[in-house]
Amino acid sequence: MRDARVLTIGRNPRLAREGGLQFLERLTNTMGCHMDIAALIISVLAVIAAGLSAYYAFSQKGAAWEQAGDARISATAAKESARYAEEQVQLSQQALEAEERARYEARQPYVIVDIRPSDSIRKIYNLVIENIGPSVARDVQFAWDPPIRRMDADDAPYPIADARPFTHGIPMLPPGGKIVMFFGVATTLKNFDVDMFTVTVSATGPDDIVEKHTYEIDLRLRRGVMYHDEHNFHDAVTQLEILADQARKLREDHRPKDY
């Protein structure tokens, strides 16, 4: 049947031309259909590729944000570590300075000045200069404000300000060394016209010049204060002297007399 059709077409040019046109049309339609399918596939692939690119870009953006956050956290941690290290250095420096200061003060003389009741007679006030430090104090000097003077009205014949420690200083005062000067009687403190003496003490120690110390001696703290008698070694010696005098008198009274 096909062979007969081919023979018929071959003998009739018109049929041959129409058959060729139909073949070309079908071929064109077939190719167009295939091209549409290819274009559709290409479009789908393009959309998928664009989606993958977008997803990859979004993933990269998220990773970048995470890296930026981690970098900020790392920077903050590094800053805190640096601040903590700086604080530790400062604390160590302060501890070292305090230790050095303690060692320095532990080997320095410490001369104090005070006006206090006598240890033996509570109604008498003494001016006391004492070195309570562990080393020898040399070239001890005093600066008084107002000028030092006794409470008694008869200070004029023997002014305490003319005492050698205040006019020439103290060449050497050993550890525990003490100088005691009579300052006045308690009954005169009430009418004494000076409320406070300020004295600045300077000296030289084993490390050259010692830091100056200023003392405020407030006499108002002593006014109106009553003291009871305290018996001490001085009182015991006094009583023994009295007993010795009485025994000597008894011995003399009972000594046999020559008639």
Protein backbone atom coordinates (compact mmCIF):
# COMPACT_ATOMS: atom_id res chain seq x y z
CA MET A 1 0.00 0.00 0.00
CA ARG A 2 2.85 2.34 0.93
CA ASP A 3 4.75 1.36 -2.20
CA ALA A 4 1.72 2.09 -4.34
CA ARG A 5 1.37 5.51 -2.68
CA VAL A 6 5.03 6.27 -3.31
CA LEU A 7 4.63 5.29 -6.95
CA THR A 8 1.55 7.45 -7.21
CA ILE A 9 3.29 10.41 -5.70
CA GLY A 10 6.30 9.88 -7.86
CA ARG A 11 4.15 9.94 -10.98
CA ASN A 12 2.13 12.96 -9.91
CA PRO A 13 4.24 16.07 -9.18
CA ARG A 14 1.42 17.87 -7.45
CA LEU A 15 0.92 15.09 -5.03
CA ALA A 16 4.62 14.96 -4.46
CA ARG A 17 4.69 18.67 -3.66
CA GLU A 18 1.72 18.45 -1.29
CA GLY A 19 3.23 15.46 0.46
CA GLY A 20 6.51 17.30 0.94
CA LEU A 21 4.69 20.30 2.36
CA GLN A 22 2.77 18.14 4.81
CA PHE A 23 5.98 16.44 5.87
CA LEU A 24 7.70 19.73 6.48
CA GLU A 25 4.71 21.01 8.43
CA ARG A 26 4.64 17.97 10.67
CA LEU A 27 8.39 18.17 11.10
CA THR A 28 8.14 21.84 11.99
CA ASN A 29 5.35 21.19 14.45
CA THR A 30 7.31 18.35 15.98
CA MET A 31 10.45 20.51 16.29
CA GLY A 32 8.44 23.42 17.69
CA CYS A 33 6.91 21.18 20.26
CA HIS A 34 10.32 19.86 21.21
CA MET A 35 11.70 23.40 21.36
CA ASP A 36 8.86 24.46 23.67
CA ILE A 37 9.58 21.52 25.93
CA ALA A 38 13.30 22.35 25.91
CA ALA A 39 12.56 25.97 26.64
CA LEU A 40 10.28 24.94 29.49
CA ILE A 41 12.94 22.63 30.88
CA ILE A 42 15.54 25.37 30.58
CA SER A 43 13.20 27.81 32.34
CA VAL A 44 12.56 25.34 35.15
CA LEU A 45 16.24 24.67 35.49
CA ALA A 46 16.88 28.42 35.54
CA VAL A 47 14.30 28.88 38.28
CA ILE A 48 15.82 26.02 40.29
CA ALA A 49 19.30 27.47 39.80
CA ALA A 50 18.08 30.91 40.88
CA GLY A 51 16.47 29.36 43.95
CA LEU A 52 19.62 27.49 44.81
CA SER A 53 21.65 30.66 44.33
CA ALA A 54 19.27 32.59 46.56
CA TYR A 55 19.39 29.86 49.21
CA TYR A 56 23.17 29.77 49.02
CA ALA A 57 23.35 33.55 49.28
CA PHE A 58 20.96 33.52 52.26
CA SER A 59 23.01 30.78 53.90
CA GLN A 60 26.19 32.76 53.33
CA LYS A 61 24.52 35.85 54.76
CA GLY A 62 23.44 33.92 57.87
CA ALA A 63 26.90 32.48 58.27
CA ALA A 64 28.36 35.96 57.90
CA TRP A 65 26.01 37.27 60.60
CA GLU A 66 26.95 34.37 62.87
CA GLN A 67 30.63 35.02 62.26
CA ALA A 68 30.10 38.71 62.98
CA GLY A 69 28.29 37.83 66.22
CA ASP A 70 31.04 35.45 67.22
CA ALA A 71 33.61 38.14 66.43
CA ARG A 72 31.76 40.64 68.63
CA ILE A 73 31.56 38.09 71.46
CA SER A 74 35.26 37.32 71.07
CA ALA A 75 36.11 41.03 71.05
CA THR A 76 34.02 41.61 74.21
CA ALA A 77 35.65 38.63 75.95
CA ALA A 78 39.10 39.86 74.96
CA LYS A 79 38.27 43.33 76.28
CA GLU A 80 37.04 41.90 79.60
CA SER A 81 40.14 39.74 79.87
CA ALA A 82 42.36 42.76 79.26
CA ARG A 83 40.45 44.79 81.87
CA TYR A 84 40.71 41.96 84.41
CA ALA A 85 44.43 41.58 83.70
CA GLU A 86 44.91 45.34 84.18
CA GLU A 87 43.02 45.22 87.49
CA GLN A 88 45.18 42.32 88.66
CA VAL A 89 48.31 44.26 87.75
CA GLN A 90 47.04 47.29 89.69
CA LEU A 91 46.14 45.15 92.72
CA SER A 92 49.55 43.50 92.62
CA GLN A 93 51.23 46.89 92.41
CA GLN A 94 49.20 48.20 95.35
CA ALA A 95 49.99 45.10 97.40
CA LEU A 96 53.68 45.47 96.58
CA GLU A 97 53.63 49.16 97.57
CA ALA A 98 51.77 48.36 100.82
CA GLU A 99 54.27 45.63 101.65
CA GLU A 100 57.19 47.93 100.93
CA ARG A 101 55.56 50.65 103.04
CA ALA A 102 55.04 48.20 105.93
CA ARG A 103 58.68 47.10 105.77
CA TYR A 104 59.79 50.74 105.69
CA GLU A 105 57.66 51.71 108.70
CA ALA A 106 58.67 48.57 110.61
CA ARG A 107 62.30 49.73 110.76
CA GLN A 108 61.71 53.44 111.46
CA PRO A 109 61.79 55.22 114.82
CA TYR A 110 58.49 56.66 116.02
CA VAL A 111 58.78 59.56 118.44
CA ILE A 112 55.55 60.62 120.15
CA VAL A 113 54.84 63.61 122.42
CA ASP A 114 52.04 63.76 124.99
CA ILE A 115 50.95 65.53 128.16
CA ARG A 116 49.55 63.01 130.64
CA PRO A 117 49.13 62.35 134.36
CA SER A 118 52.17 61.03 136.15
CA ASP A 119 52.37 57.26 136.59
CA SER A 120 53.32 57.73 140.25
CA ILE A 121 51.31 60.81 141.29
CA ARG A 122 48.04 61.22 139.41
CA LYS A 123 47.61 64.87 140.39
CA ILE A 124 50.75 65.84 138.51
CA TYR A 125 50.95 66.23 134.74
CA ASN A 126 54.10 65.44 132.81
CA LEU A 127 55.20 66.19 129.29
CA VAL A 128 56.45 62.89 127.85
CA ILE A 129 58.70 62.35 124.82
CA GLU A 130 59.03 58.68 123.89
CA ASN A 131 60.41 56.62 121.03
CA ILE A 132 58.02 53.70 120.54
CA GLY A 133 59.64 52.61 117.25
CA PRO A 134 62.09 49.72 116.71
CA SER A 135 65.15 51.80 115.79
CA VAL A 136 67.19 54.72 117.09
CA ALA A 137 65.86 58.23 116.42
CA ARG A 138 68.54 60.83 115.77
CA ASP A 139 68.45 64.61 115.57
CA VAL A 140 64.91 64.84 116.96
CA GLN A 141 63.46 68.34 116.55
CA PHE A 142 60.19 69.89 117.78
CA ALA A 143 58.02 72.75 116.47
CA TRP A 144 55.30 73.97 118.85
CA ASP A 145 52.16 76.00 118.19
CA PRO A 146 51.61 77.92 120.42
CA PRO A 147 55.04 77.93 122.09
CA ILE A 148 55.14 75.35 124.85
CA ARG A 149 54.85 76.53 128.47
CA ARG A 150 53.86 75.04 131.81
CA MET A 151 50.45 75.37 133.42
CA ASP A 152 51.90 76.89 136.59
CA ALA A 153 52.17 80.62 136.98
CA ASP A 154 55.77 80.22 138.11
CA ASP A 155 56.90 78.91 134.71
CA ALA A 156 58.91 82.08 134.22
CA PRO A 157 61.95 81.13 136.40
CA TYR A 158 62.39 77.83 134.58
CA PRO A 159 60.48 77.98 131.27
CA ILE A 160 59.95 74.56 129.80
CA ALA A 161 60.49 76.07 126.35
CA ASP A 162 64.13 76.66 127.36
CA ALA A 163 64.66 72.96 128.08
CA ARG A 164 67.51 71.62 125.95
CA PRO A 165 65.38 69.08 124.00
CA PHE A 166 63.38 72.02 122.63
CA THR A 167 66.25 74.43 122.08
CA HIS A 168 68.87 72.04 120.67
CA GLY A 169 66.88 68.92 119.87
CA ILE A 170 67.63 65.38 121.01
CA PRO A 171 70.78 63.95 119.41
CA MET A 172 69.76 60.32 120.00
CA LEU A 173 66.71 58.60 121.46
CA PRO A 174 66.92 54.77 121.51
CA PRO A 175 63.93 52.43 121.13
CA GLY A 176 61.85 52.66 124.29
CA GLY A 177 63.76 55.78 125.34
CA LYS A 178 61.69 58.30 127.27
CA ILE A 179 62.15 61.86 128.53
CA VAL A 180 59.69 63.02 131.21
CA MET A 181 59.32 66.70 132.18
CA PHE A 182 57.15 68.20 134.89
CA PHE A 183 54.33 70.17 133.25
CA GLY A 184 52.00 71.24 136.07
CA VAL A 185 49.58 70.36 138.83
CA ALA A 186 46.08 69.15 138.05
CA THR A 187 44.46 71.93 140.06
CA THR A 188 45.89 74.55 137.67
CA LEU A 189 44.54 72.88 134.52
CA LYS A 190 41.08 74.38 134.93
CA ASN A 191 42.33 77.97 134.66
CA PHE A 192 45.05 77.31 132.07
CA ASP A 193 44.44 79.61 129.07
CA VAL A 194 45.68 77.14 126.43
CA ASP A 195 43.28 74.49 125.16
CA MET A 196 45.52 72.71 122.69
CA PHE A 197 49.18 72.41 121.75
CA THR A 198 50.20 71.29 118.27
CA VAL A 199 53.69 69.83 117.95
CA THR A 200 55.45 68.60 114.79
CA VAL A 201 58.26 66.08 115.33
CA SER A 202 61.04 65.47 112.81
CA ALA A 203 63.87 62.98 113.12
CA THR A 204 66.40 60.87 111.25
CA GLY A 205 66.24 57.08 111.16
CA PRO A 206 68.17 54.22 109.54
CA ASP A 207 66.80 55.26 106.12
CA ASP A 208 67.76 58.91 106.46
CA ILE A 209 64.98 61.46 107.17
CA VAL A 210 61.83 60.05 108.76
CA GLU A 211 58.40 61.28 107.79
CA LYS A 212 57.29 64.15 110.05
CA HIS A 213 54.49 63.50 112.53
CA THR A 214 52.14 66.14 113.94
CA TYR A 215 50.33 65.68 117.25
CA GLU A 216 47.43 67.68 118.67
CA ILE A 217 47.53 67.62 122.47
CA ASP A 218 44.03 68.61 123.57
CA LEU A 219 44.07 69.64 127.24
CA ARG A 220 40.29 70.00 127.29
CA LEU A 221 40.06 66.22 127.45
CA ARG A 222 41.72 66.34 130.88
CA ARG A 223 39.58 69.08 132.40
CA GLY A 224 36.86 67.98 134.78
CA VAL A 225 38.20 64.41 134.89
CA MET A 226 38.59 62.90 138.36
CA TYR A 227 41.26 60.31 139.07
CA HIS A 228 41.35 57.88 141.94
CA ASP A 229 44.62 57.10 143.66
CA GLU A 230 46.44 54.08 142.29
CA HIS A 231 49.05 52.47 144.49
CA ASN A 232 52.16 51.36 142.68
CA PHE A 233 55.81 50.60 143.34
CA HIS A 234 56.46 54.25 144.25
CA ASP A 235 53.80 54.07 146.98
CA ALA A 236 55.31 50.84 148.29
CA VAL A 237 58.73 52.45 148.53
CA THR A 238 57.21 55.44 150.32
CA GLN A 239 55.49 53.19 152.85
CA LEU A 240 58.71 51.24 153.44
CA GLU A 241 60.55 54.48 154.08
CA ILE A 242 57.88 55.47 156.61
CA LEU A 243 58.15 52.09 158.33
CA ALA A 244 61.93 52.36 158.37
CA ASP A 245 61.70 55.80 160.02
CA GLN A 246 59.25 54.50 162.61
CA ALA A 247 61.44 51.47 163.36
CA ARG A 248 64.47 53.70 163.75
CA LYS A 249 62.56 55.95 166.12
CA LEU A 250 61.36 53.01 168.20
CA ARG A 251 64.87 51.67 168.44
CA GLU A 252 66.14 55.00 169.62
CA ASP A 253 63.29 55.36 172.14
CA HIS A 254 63.94 51.93 173.63
CA ARG A 255 67.67 52.17 173.68
CA PRO A 256 68.96 51.77 177.26
CA LYS A 257 69.94 55.09 178.71
CA ASP A 258 73.08 55.67 180.74
CA TYR A 259 72.43 57.08 184.20
